[in-house]
C-alpha atoms as a PDB file:
ATOM      1  CA  UNK A   1       0.073   0.033  -0.029  1.00  0.00           C
ATOM      2  CA  UNK A   2       2.842   2.505   0.925  1.00  0.00           C
ATOM      3  CA  UNK A   3       4.569   1.846  -2.596  1.00  0.00           C
ATOM      4  CA  UNK A   4       1.107   2.873  -4.279  1.00  0.00           C
ATOM      5  CA  UNK A   5       0.716   5.970  -2.150  1.00  0.00           C
ATOM      6  CA  UNK A   6       4.128   7.095  -3.027  1.00  0.00           C
ATOM      7  CA  UNK A   7       3.660   6.482  -6.749  1.00  0.00           C
ATOM      8  CA  UNK A   8       0.485   8.685  -6.704  1.00  0.00           C
ATOM      9  CA  UNK A   9       2.306  11.407  -4.979  1.00  0.00           C
ATOM     10  CA  UNK A  10       5.050  11.093  -7.557  1.00  0.00           C
ATOM     11  CA  UNK A  11       2.265  11.358 -10.248  1.00  0.00           C
ATOM     12  CA  UNK A  12       0.871  14.598  -8.671  1.00  0.00           C
ATOM     13  CA  UNK A  13       4.369  16.196  -8.275  1.00  0.00           C
ATOM     14  CA  UNK A  14       4.969  15.481 -12.087  1.00  0.00           C
ATOM     15  CA  UNK A  15       2.056  17.747 -12.787  1.00  0.00           C
ATOM     16  CA  UNK A  16       2.488  20.615 -10.663  1.00  0.00           C
ATOM     17  CA  UNK A  17       3.031  23.913 -12.396  1.00  0.00           C
ATOM     18  CA  UNK A  18       4.537  25.933  -9.662  1.00  0.00           C
ATOM     19  CA  UNK A  19       7.785  23.452  -9.320  1.00  0.00           C
ATOM     20  CA  UNK A  20       9.484  21.149 -11.702  1.00  0.00           C
ATOM     21  CA  UNK A  21       9.919  17.644 -10.353  1.00  0.00           C
ATOM     22  CA  UNK A  22      13.049  16.206 -11.489  1.00  0.00           C
ATOM     23  CA  UNK A  23      13.144  12.669  -9.733  1.00  0.00           C
ATOM     24  CA  UNK A  24      13.551  10.926  -6.436  1.00  0.00           C
ATOM     25  CA  UNK A  25      16.959  10.888  -4.224  1.00  0.00           C
ATOM     26  CA  UNK A  26      17.261   7.816  -1.656  1.00  0.00           C
ATOM     27  CA  UNK A  27      19.643   8.160   1.107  1.00  0.00           C
ATOM     28  CA  UNK A  28      20.474   4.756   2.489  1.00  0.00           C
ATOM     29  CA  UNK A  29      21.704   4.852   6.168  1.00  0.00           C
ATOM     30  CA  UNK A  30      22.136   1.222   7.502  1.00  0.00           C
ATOM     31  CA  UNK A  31      18.836  -0.432   7.386  1.00  0.00           C
ATOM     32  CA  UNK A  32      17.006   3.083   7.111  1.00  0.00           C
ATOM     33  CA  UNK A  33      16.186   4.655   3.718  1.00  0.00           C
ATOM     34  CA  UNK A  34      15.007   8.549   3.646  1.00  0.00           C
ATOM     35  CA  UNK A  35      13.459   9.324   0.248  1.00  0.00           C
ATOM     36  CA  UNK A  36      13.277  12.897  -0.898  1.00  0.00           C
ATOM     37  CA  UNK A  37      11.395  14.508  -3.899  1.00  0.00           C
ATOM     38  CA  UNK A  38      13.810  16.435  -6.098  1.00  0.00           C
ATOM     39  CA  UNK A  39      12.904  19.686  -7.801  1.00  0.00           C
ATOM     40  CA  UNK A  40      14.718  21.773 -10.445  1.00  0.00           C
ATOM     41  CA  UNK A  41      16.845  24.663  -8.820  1.00  0.00           C
ATOM     42  CA  UNK A  42      15.022  27.911  -9.375  1.00  0.00           C
ATOM     43  CA  UNK A  43      17.894  29.895  -8.112  1.00  0.00           C
ATOM     44  CA  UNK A  44      20.354  29.280 -10.898  1.00  0.00           C
ATOM     45  CA  UNK A  45      20.572  32.274 -13.312  1.00  0.00           C
ATOM     46  CA  UNK A  46      17.802  34.106 -11.541  1.00  0.00           C
ATOM     47  CA  UNK A  47      17.757  37.897 -10.678  1.00  0.00           C
ATOM     48  CA  UNK A  48      18.951  37.995  -6.992  1.00  0.00           C
ATOM     49  CA  UNK A  49      17.168  41.529  -6.477  1.00  0.00           C
ATOM     50  CA  UNK A  50      13.689  39.573  -7.011  1.00  0.00           C
ATOM     51  CA  UNK A  51      11.940  38.073  -4.262  1.00  0.00           C
ATOM     52  CA  UNK A  52      10.737  34.727  -5.194  1.00  0.00           C
ATOM     53  CA  UNK A  53       8.435  32.165  -3.751  1.00  0.00           C
ATOM     54  CA  UNK A  54       9.559  28.825  -3.285  1.00  0.00           C
ATOM     55  CA  UNK A  55       6.573  26.500  -3.149  1.00  0.00           C
ATOM     56  CA  UNK A  56       6.879  23.471  -0.693  1.00  0.00           C
ATOM     57  CA  UNK A  57       7.556  19.926  -2.223  1.00  0.00           C
ATOM     58  CA  UNK A  58       6.672  16.775  -0.324  1.00  0.00           C
ATOM     59  CA  UNK A  59       8.136  15.879   2.826  1.00  0.00           C
ATOM     60  CA  UNK A  60      10.754  13.156   3.294  1.00  0.00           C
ATOM     61  CA  UNK A  61       9.617   9.592   3.410  1.00  0.00           C
ATOM     62  CA  UNK A  62      11.169   6.886   5.556  1.00  0.00           C
ATOM     63  CA  UNK A  63      11.427   3.252   4.031  1.00  0.00           C
ATOM     64  CA  UNK A  64      13.183   0.126   4.756  1.00  0.00           C
ATOM     65  CA  UNK A  65      15.354  -1.568   1.935  1.00  0.00           C
ATOM     66  CA  UNK A  66      12.654  -3.934   0.771  1.00  0.00           C
ATOM     67  CA  UNK A  67      10.167  -0.849   0.211  1.00  0.00           C
ATOM     68  CA  UNK A  68      13.057   0.936  -1.656  1.00  0.00           C
ATOM     69  CA  UNK A  69      13.620  -1.819  -4.017  1.00  0.00           C
ATOM     70  CA  UNK A  70       9.833  -2.253  -4.578  1.00  0.00           C
ATOM     71  CA  UNK A  71       9.812   1.502  -5.508  1.00  0.00           C
ATOM     72  CA  UNK A  72      12.754   1.296  -7.693  1.00  0.00           C
ATOM     73  CA  UNK A  73      10.998  -1.237  -9.866  1.00  0.00           C
ATOM     74  CA  UNK A  74       7.893   1.215 -10.272  1.00  0.00           C
ATOM     75  CA  UNK A  75      10.032   3.988 -10.926  1.00  0.00           C
ATOM     76  CA  UNK A  76      11.939   2.198 -13.541  1.00  0.00           C
ATOM     77  CA  UNK A  77       8.593   1.210 -15.171  1.00  0.00           C
ATOM     78  CA  UNK A  78       7.702   4.793 -15.220  1.00  0.00           C
ATOM     79  CA  UNK A  79      11.046   6.060 -16.550  1.00  0.00           C
ATOM     80  CA  UNK A  80      11.323   8.613 -13.351  1.00  0.00           C
ATOM     81  CA  UNK A  81      14.964   9.449 -12.613  1.00  0.00           C
ATOM     82  CA  UNK A  82      16.298   8.458  -9.287  1.00  0.00           C
ATOM     83  CA  UNK A  83      19.417   8.707  -7.198  1.00  0.00           C
ATOM     84  CA  UNK A  84      20.747   6.471  -4.479  1.00  0.00           C
ATOM     85  CA  UNK A  85      23.129   7.888  -2.064  1.00  0.00           C
ATOM     86  CA  UNK A  86      25.207   5.693   0.568  1.00  0.00           C
ATOM     87  CA  UNK A  87      27.021   8.498   2.289  1.00  0.00           C
ATOM     88  CA  UNK A  88      29.317   7.453   5.239  1.00  0.00           C
ATOM     89  CA  UNK A  89      29.671  10.070   7.871  1.00  0.00           C
ATOM     90  CA  UNK A  90      32.506   9.902  10.395  1.00  0.00           C
END
């Protein structure tokens, strides 16, 4: 059920007109996975003297590795970009 809910939210993010959804980022830390929605950067090339409203995206989603692997299959089916990070912190 969780995977279908995420895919529904991804679909909604893809059709937003106020922000450009570019994909998903997974941050893997041990057994826990934090999934973030990624959007195009509005700040590059923008006039810095202009105030700009930055619309809020979706909040991070916490998954386990099994859920992430199921979601990866769905993202591949829909040709949705994703990135997996396994940063090690000292």
